[in-house]
């Protein structure tokens, strides 16, 4: 048993290189008879241990270089992340500024177009009493048709009496129709009853309806209108025009500078009046049909 313990101890010291191989083998040979194969195994293991120790020493020599490499990689990754966030912020600011400019362009042009349409309706409304006294209905309808040709975007012009009956129109099929249940007529009459027909500057208000389906033109359209008052300032009907989609669509499409961009006109109640490109069908009230 004692001989075995001495052999194990000597082998342990050889493995961990605390004594050289020759001395360890001498200790083992004094207690055991080792054959050539066993000695070869010990030689190979000692050589492996020597190479392992040399490799460890070489790795230790490059520890500063490894530390510098790791720090450099981490620093580079951090700089890439910071630069990416900076670029993202810059792009967002640039896009916000560009969208603001595009919005101002649309607003300016759209307001001018609406003013032109409103002024045309004002002119017809102010001339209507004179026309009614001196001309027939056929001549008045003819005048309305002539107006459409001079104002781009106008599809139909029609005039309703105080009961919502169409008395003049550029479309004969509308004459005599009861349109008193239409949203644009109800809104205008309600505003008249509540004395809300004028803005803060005293000018007559122009009413823009939500999109609705036209059974005549087979498209979703909307109208702008003006209230007609009698000599006592009471509600006496309204004049309105159904606008073509091109009234808004051409302007909206012109400011889309990217294929994934959409432009829309939304009223003060959140209703989408027009969107380009038209990726979905705008909702409309089918009971409100012109």
Protein backbone atom coordinates (compact mmCIF):
# COMPACT_ATOMS: atom_id res chain seq x y z
CA UNK A 1 0.00 0.00 0.00
CA UNK A 2 2.84 2.37 0.88
CA UNK A 3 4.49 1.72 -2.48
CA UNK A 4 1.23 2.58 -4.29
CA UNK A 5 0.83 5.85 -2.40
CA UNK A 6 4.39 6.89 -3.26
CA UNK A 7 3.77 6.07 -6.93
CA UNK A 8 0.53 8.10 -7.02
CA UNK A 9 2.22 11.02 -5.32
CA UNK A 10 5.13 10.95 -7.78
CA UNK A 11 2.74 10.77 -10.71
CA UNK A 12 0.77 13.73 -9.32
CA UNK A 13 3.94 15.81 -9.01
CA UNK A 14 4.92 14.95 -12.58
CA UNK A 15 1.52 16.00 -13.92
CA UNK A 16 1.66 19.38 -12.25
CA UNK A 17 5.32 19.80 -13.14
CA UNK A 18 6.50 20.20 -9.56
CA UNK A 19 9.33 17.71 -10.25
CA UNK A 20 10.93 16.84 -13.52
CA UNK A 21 10.13 13.69 -15.38
CA UNK A 22 13.48 11.94 -14.83
CA UNK A 23 13.34 12.37 -11.06
CA UNK A 24 9.76 11.23 -10.97
CA UNK A 25 10.50 8.19 -13.07
CA UNK A 26 13.44 7.33 -10.80
CA UNK A 27 11.13 7.43 -7.80
CA UNK A 28 8.62 5.24 -9.56
CA UNK A 29 11.29 2.76 -10.71
CA UNK A 30 12.48 2.34 -7.11
CA UNK A 31 9.09 0.95 -6.22
CA UNK A 32 7.67 -0.39 -9.45
CA UNK A 33 8.93 -2.01 -12.54
CA UNK A 34 7.70 0.10 -15.48
CA UNK A 35 7.49 -1.40 -18.94
CA UNK A 36 8.41 0.64 -22.07
CA UNK A 37 4.78 1.38 -22.94
CA UNK A 38 4.12 2.93 -19.53
CA UNK A 39 7.28 5.02 -19.81
CA UNK A 40 6.18 6.23 -23.27
CA UNK A 41 2.83 7.35 -21.87
CA UNK A 42 4.56 9.31 -19.14
CA UNK A 43 6.87 10.96 -21.68
CA UNK A 44 3.98 11.99 -23.86
CA UNK A 45 2.04 13.41 -20.92
CA UNK A 46 5.04 15.35 -19.71
CA UNK A 47 5.51 16.79 -23.22
CA UNK A 48 1.84 17.78 -23.34
CA UNK A 49 2.14 19.53 -19.98
CA UNK A 50 5.21 21.39 -21.16
CA UNK A 51 3.47 22.60 -24.31
CA UNK A 52 0.37 23.60 -22.34
CA UNK A 53 2.47 25.65 -19.96
CA UNK A 54 4.24 27.35 -22.86
CA UNK A 55 0.88 28.14 -24.49
CA UNK A 56 -0.40 29.65 -21.23
CA UNK A 57 2.68 31.81 -21.01
CA UNK A 58 2.19 32.98 -24.62
CA UNK A 59 -1.48 33.84 -23.93
CA UNK A 60 -0.45 35.76 -20.88
CA UNK A 61 1.91 37.87 -22.96
CA UNK A 62 -1.01 39.06 -25.16
CA UNK A 63 -3.45 39.98 -22.37
CA UNK A 64 -2.95 43.76 -22.84
CA UNK A 65 -3.57 43.42 -26.58
CA UNK A 66 -6.76 41.44 -25.98
CA UNK A 67 -7.95 44.05 -23.49
CA UNK A 68 -7.29 46.85 -25.99
CA UNK A 69 -9.15 44.91 -28.73
CA UNK A 70 -12.20 44.29 -26.54
CA UNK A 71 -12.33 47.91 -25.38
CA UNK A 72 -12.01 49.09 -29.00
CA UNK A 73 -14.84 46.84 -30.22
CA UNK A 74 -17.17 47.92 -27.40
CA UNK A 75 -16.32 51.59 -27.98
CA UNK A 76 -16.93 51.23 -31.72
CA UNK A 77 -20.30 49.58 -31.10
CA UNK A 78 -21.27 52.36 -28.70
CA UNK A 79 -20.29 55.03 -31.23
CA UNK A 80 -22.31 53.29 -33.96
CA UNK A 81 -25.41 53.25 -31.73
CA UNK A 82 -24.98 56.91 -30.77
CA UNK A 83 -24.45 57.91 -34.41
CA UNK A 84 -27.52 55.93 -35.46
CA UNK A 85 -29.71 57.65 -32.85
CA UNK A 86 -28.33 61.02 -33.90
CA UNK A 87 -29.10 60.32 -37.56
CA UNK A 88 -32.61 59.14 -36.67
CA UNK A 89 -33.27 62.34 -34.72
CA UNK A 90 -31.94 64.47 -37.58
CA UNK A 91 -34.10 62.68 -40.14
CA UNK A 92 -37.20 63.08 -37.95
CA UNK A 93 -36.54 66.82 -37.55
CA UNK A 94 -35.94 67.25 -41.28
CA UNK A 95 -39.11 65.32 -42.17
CA UNK A 96 -41.15 67.30 -39.64
CA UNK A 97 -39.88 70.55 -41.10
CA UNK A 98 -40.56 69.33 -44.63
CA UNK A 99 -44.08 68.22 -43.74
CA UNK A 100 -44.72 71.59 -42.12
CA UNK A 101 -43.68 73.30 -45.34
CA UNK A 102 -45.85 70.97 -47.42
CA UNK A 103 -48.81 71.62 -45.12
CA UNK A 104 -48.39 75.36 -45.51
CA UNK A 105 -48.30 74.96 -49.30
CA UNK A 106 -51.49 72.87 -49.29
CA UNK A 107 -53.21 75.25 -46.89
CA UNK A 108 -52.34 78.33 -48.91
CA UNK A 109 -53.46 76.86 -52.23
CA UNK A 110 -56.52 75.14 -50.78
CA UNK A 111 -57.70 78.28 -49.02
CA UNK A 112 -57.31 80.25 -52.25
CA UNK A 113 -59.29 77.61 -54.17
CA UNK A 114 -62.05 77.62 -51.57
CA UNK A 115 -62.13 81.42 -51.59
CA UNK A 116 -62.51 81.39 -55.36
CA UNK A 117 -65.34 78.86 -55.12
CA UNK A 118 -67.02 80.83 -52.32
CA UNK A 119 -66.73 84.08 -54.24
CA UNK A 120 -68.37 82.42 -57.25
CA UNK A 121 -71.26 81.29 -55.05
CA UNK A 122 -71.48 84.78 -53.50
CA UNK A 123 -71.72 86.31 -56.95
CA UNK A 124 -74.49 83.94 -58.03
CA UNK A 125 -76.35 84.40 -54.76
CA UNK A 126 -76.23 88.21 -54.99
CA UNK A 127 -77.34 88.15 -58.64
CA UNK A 128 -80.15 85.67 -58.06
CA UNK A 129 -82.86 88.18 -57.02
CA UNK A 130 -82.24 90.20 -60.18
CA UNK A 131 -82.31 87.09 -62.33
CA UNK A 132 -85.54 85.92 -60.76
CA UNK A 133 -87.24 89.23 -61.56
CA UNK A 134 -86.05 89.53 -65.15
CA UNK A 135 -85.30 86.07 -66.48
CA UNK A 136 -86.94 82.66 -66.78
CA UNK A 137 -85.81 79.51 -65.01
CA UNK A 138 -84.31 78.18 -68.23
CA UNK A 139 -82.09 81.26 -68.58
CA UNK A 140 -81.01 81.06 -64.96
CA UNK A 141 -80.09 77.39 -65.37
CA UNK A 142 -78.16 78.34 -68.49
CA UNK A 143 -76.22 80.96 -66.53
CA UNK A 144 -75.34 78.36 -63.93
CA UNK A 145 -74.05 76.05 -66.65
CA UNK A 146 -71.87 78.84 -68.03
CA UNK A 147 -70.40 79.41 -64.56
CA UNK A 148 -69.30 75.78 -64.28
CA UNK A 149 -67.14 76.06 -67.37
CA UNK A 150 -65.21 79.00 -65.91
CA UNK A 151 -64.53 77.51 -62.48
CA UNK A 152 -62.44 74.32 -62.39
CA UNK A 153 -63.57 71.82 -59.82
CA UNK A 154 -67.29 72.60 -60.00
CA UNK A 155 -69.35 69.55 -60.96
CA UNK A 156 -72.89 70.69 -60.22
CA UNK A 157 -74.45 73.96 -59.06
CA UNK A 158 -77.92 73.88 -57.53
CA UNK A 159 -80.15 76.26 -55.60
CA UNK A 160 -82.67 75.18 -52.97
CA UNK A 161 -85.62 77.14 -51.63
CA UNK A 162 -86.36 77.48 -47.92
CA UNK A 163 -88.11 74.08 -47.93
CA UNK A 164 -85.17 72.26 -49.49
CA UNK A 165 -86.70 71.91 -52.96
CA UNK A 166 -84.26 72.24 -55.86
CA UNK A 167 -85.47 75.16 -57.98
CA UNK A 168 -82.37 75.72 -60.17
CA UNK A 169 -79.63 73.32 -61.19
CA UNK A 170 -77.10 72.57 -63.87
CA UNK A 171 -78.46 69.00 -63.88
CA UNK A 172 -82.10 68.79 -65.03
CA UNK A 173 -82.64 65.56 -63.10
CA UNK A 174 -82.30 67.47 -59.81
CA UNK A 175 -84.99 70.05 -60.58
CA UNK A 176 -87.99 69.64 -58.27
CA UNK A 177 -86.19 67.14 -56.02
CA UNK A 178 -86.71 67.41 -52.26
CA UNK A 179 -83.23 67.64 -50.73
CA UNK A 180 -84.35 68.83 -47.32
CA UNK A 181 -82.99 65.69 -45.64
CA UNK A 182 -79.49 66.21 -46.92
CA UNK A 183 -76.78 66.90 -44.36
CA UNK A 184 -75.59 70.09 -46.04
CA UNK A 185 -79.11 71.57 -46.07
CA UNK A 186 -79.82 70.62 -42.45
CA UNK A 187 -76.51 72.10 -41.28
CA UNK A 188 -77.07 75.36 -43.12
CA UNK A 189 -80.65 75.73 -41.85
CA UNK A 190 -79.65 74.89 -38.27
CA UNK A 191 -76.88 77.49 -38.40
CA UNK A 192 -79.37 80.06 -39.69
CA UNK A 193 -81.82 79.34 -36.88
CA UNK A 194 -79.02 79.72 -34.31
CA UNK A 195 -77.72 82.95 -35.88
CA UNK A 196 -74.46 81.25 -36.78
CA UNK A 197 -74.38 82.16 -40.44
CA UNK A 198 -71.57 84.72 -40.14
CA UNK A 199 -68.02 84.55 -38.86
CA UNK A 200 -66.33 86.90 -36.39
CA UNK A 201 -65.68 89.42 -39.19
CA UNK A 202 -69.33 89.51 -40.22
CA UNK A 203 -68.81 87.59 -43.45
CA UNK A 204 -71.20 84.87 -44.54
CA UNK A 205 -69.96 81.40 -43.73
CA UNK A 206 -69.24 78.77 -46.35
CA UNK A 207 -70.42 75.27 -45.44
CA UNK A 208 -68.48 72.18 -46.51
CA UNK A 209 -70.23 68.85 -46.25
CA UNK A 210 -68.75 65.48 -45.38
CA UNK A 211 -68.19 63.11 -48.34
CA UNK A 212 -71.38 61.54 -49.68
CA UNK A 213 -72.30 59.28 -52.55
CA UNK A 214 -73.80 60.78 -55.69
CA UNK A 215 -76.29 58.52 -57.43
CA UNK A 216 -75.91 60.71 -60.52
CA UNK A 217 -72.15 60.83 -60.93
CA UNK A 218 -71.55 57.46 -59.14
CA UNK A 219 -68.66 58.84 -57.09
CA UNK A 220 -68.10 60.04 -53.54
CA UNK A 221 -68.22 63.85 -53.52
CA UNK A 222 -68.84 66.73 -51.15
CA UNK A 223 -70.44 70.16 -51.46
CA UNK A 224 -69.76 73.71 -50.40
CA UNK A 225 -72.69 76.05 -49.96
CA UNK A 226 -73.94 79.48 -48.95
CA UNK A 227 -77.13 80.43 -47.15
CA UNK A 228 -79.67 82.61 -48.98
CA UNK A 229 -81.48 85.10 -46.77
CA UNK A 230 -84.61 87.14 -47.43
CA UNK A 231 -84.97 90.87 -46.85
CA UNK A 232 -85.53 90.27 -43.14
CA UNK A 233 -82.36 88.19 -42.79
CA UNK A 234 -84.30 84.96 -42.43
CA UNK A 235 -83.34 81.66 -44.00
CA UNK A 236 -84.66 81.50 -47.56
CA UNK A 237 -82.73 78.57 -49.02
CA UNK A 238 -79.16 77.90 -50.05
CA UNK A 239 -76.91 77.75 -53.06
CA UNK A 240 -74.36 74.95 -53.27
CA UNK A 241 -71.98 73.25 -55.62
CA UNK A 242 -70.83 69.66 -55.77
CA UNK A 243 -67.07 69.69 -56.22
CA UNK A 244 -65.11 67.31 -58.40
CA UNK A 245 -62.54 65.10 -56.64
CA UNK A 246 -59.86 66.89 -58.66
CA UNK A 247 -60.59 70.04 -56.66
CA UNK A 248 -58.50 68.53 -53.84
CA UNK A 249 -56.81 65.48 -55.35
CA UNK A 250 -54.50 67.31 -57.76
CA UNK A 251 -53.13 69.53 -55.02
CA UNK A 252 -52.76 66.67 -52.52
CA UNK A 253 -51.00 64.42 -55.02
CA UNK A 254 -48.52 67.16 -55.91
CA UNK A 255 -47.06 67.27 -52.38
CA UNK A 256 -46.52 63.52 -52.04
CA UNK A 257 -42.76 63.18 -52.52
CA UNK A 258 -42.61 59.49 -51.52
CA UNK A 259 -44.50 56.39 -52.62
CA UNK A 260 -45.40 55.52 -49.02
CA UNK A 261 -46.74 59.00 -48.26
CA UNK A 262 -50.39 60.07 -48.08
CA UNK A 263 -51.96 63.52 -47.94
CA UNK A 264 -55.43 64.22 -46.63
CA UNK A 265 -57.85 67.05 -45.97
CA UNK A 266 -59.72 66.70 -42.67
CA UNK A 267 -62.46 68.99 -41.39
CA UNK A 268 -62.81 70.36 -37.86
CA UNK A 269 -64.89 67.33 -36.82
CA UNK A 270 -62.25 64.85 -37.90
CA UNK A 271 -64.01 63.77 -41.09
CA UNK A 272 -61.68 62.87 -43.97
CA UNK A 273 -62.76 64.93 -46.97
CA UNK A 274 -60.12 63.68 -49.38
CA UNK A 275 -57.02 61.50 -49.25
CA UNK A 276 -54.41 60.80 -51.91
CA UNK A 277 -53.42 58.22 -52.89
CA UNK A 278 -56.83 56.69 -52.28
CA UNK A 279 -55.73 53.49 -50.51
CA UNK A 280 -59.16 52.87 -49.05
CA UNK A 281 -62.74 53.84 -49.74
CA UNK A 282 -63.81 56.89 -47.78
CA UNK A 283 -66.87 56.29 -45.58
CA UNK A 284 -70.00 58.16 -46.51
CA UNK A 285 -73.65 58.24 -45.55
CA UNK A 286 -75.68 56.50 -48.26
CA UNK A 287 -78.83 58.21 -46.98
CA UNK A 288 -77.23 61.53 -47.93
CA UNK A 289 -77.32 61.02 -51.69
CA UNK A 290 -77.36 63.79 -54.26
